[in-house]
Amino acid sequence: MIHFNRPTIDLIRNTFLQQHYQDHFPAEILDLIYEHKLFKIFVPEQLGGLECSFPEGLKIMEMSAYIDGDFGWAVQIGSGGGYFTGYLSKEVVDKYISQPEFVIAGSGMANGNAVTSERSYEVTGQWKYCSGSHYATLFTANCTIDSSSAISAFAFDPDQVSIINDWKAYGMENTLSHSIQVKNAQVPKHMSFNFDRVINDYNYLIYHFPFNEFARGCITAVLIGMFKHLLNEANVYYQYENLPSQKESSLQQILKTAEQESEKLTEHFYEEAQNCWSHLQNGLSEDLLQKFNNAIDNYISFANESSHNLFHHLGMYATFRDNAFNKIWRDLTTAAQHFLTKKYQ
């Protein structure tokens, strides 16, 4: 497990608390990510990665998000891109993924169109919410093929991509989740890929984990880390503010209940993640996947409700943007808006 010392944690937290809507990621923090290979949690060791098990990777994401939401989201998105390694051609892997500073940014929405030619595709499109856009060494996005219903994923060199600095959400301010645009880019056919075909699994099971549950699990680990940090900051408020006895008693009970429920739901989440990982080699049943999805849904529902409850009970203090509680709350509630956290059925 990766650990950061207190001065490093303070550096990360203070940097992001004071920085808003920049077009760059702090260089010293990016260097920390590269040094600890946090963008390569799910990249094989033979390609310079950590090759973590799924539960191990989730724990690292939780730890990162506990330090800071922007930091945790950057680690989650960057390391999540490592999942694509098993689906990308050897040419792409050799050129991009084996590099020490490799990181993918992109979108799962099919907001582009690729026109087929003999040796390449001509791709045009625009995609929102591409976290890590300004430091990505490779971009990926989905496109329809020849304006049909067929969809394929494509990898783009940064030289083919324009970044539109339009990320202005009230939380996760420093994730660089801007839109990207590609215009008439000539993309070689070896830069296309599909999630129904593993090209090389490097004897690493992660590429056989269903992508939807993989991505949902990663986001949930980030929410767990942020919520634990939120509870800590609420406890700081409770301990150092001179509260009326009635408010003190009410807040004390809310914090105790939230801590107990968070611990219980977190333990269940990791149990189901481990169950899926343990059975992955023999194929995951629908029952196992459903149990994992249920654990995810239960934690997300709890975190949404409890974070708003804490915000309400901390009164005006919770509304000031210059304190840590407010930043964590904004980050958590913004991250929880991701479409993979929703239940629409």
Foldseek 3Di string as FASTA:
>chain_A
DDDDDPVVLVVVLVVVLPDFLDLDAPPVLLVVCLVVVLLQQCADVVLVHPLHFLLVNLLVLLQLLLSPLLRSVLSLQSNLVNLCLQWADPVCSVVARSDSSAGEWEDADAFKEWEDDDFWTFIWGKDFQGFPLNRHQKYKYKHHYPPDPDIWMFIDGNVQKDWDSDDDAPASRNRSRTMITGHRDTGGPSRIGDLVDGPHPVPRLSNLDPSLLSSLSNLLSSLLSLLVSLLVVLVVCLVPDPDDPVLSVVSVVLSVVLVVVSVVLVVQLSVLSVVCSVCSVVHDDPVSSVSNVVSSLVNLVSSVVSLVVSLVSSPPVCVDSSDPNVRSSSSSVVSCVPPSNDDDD
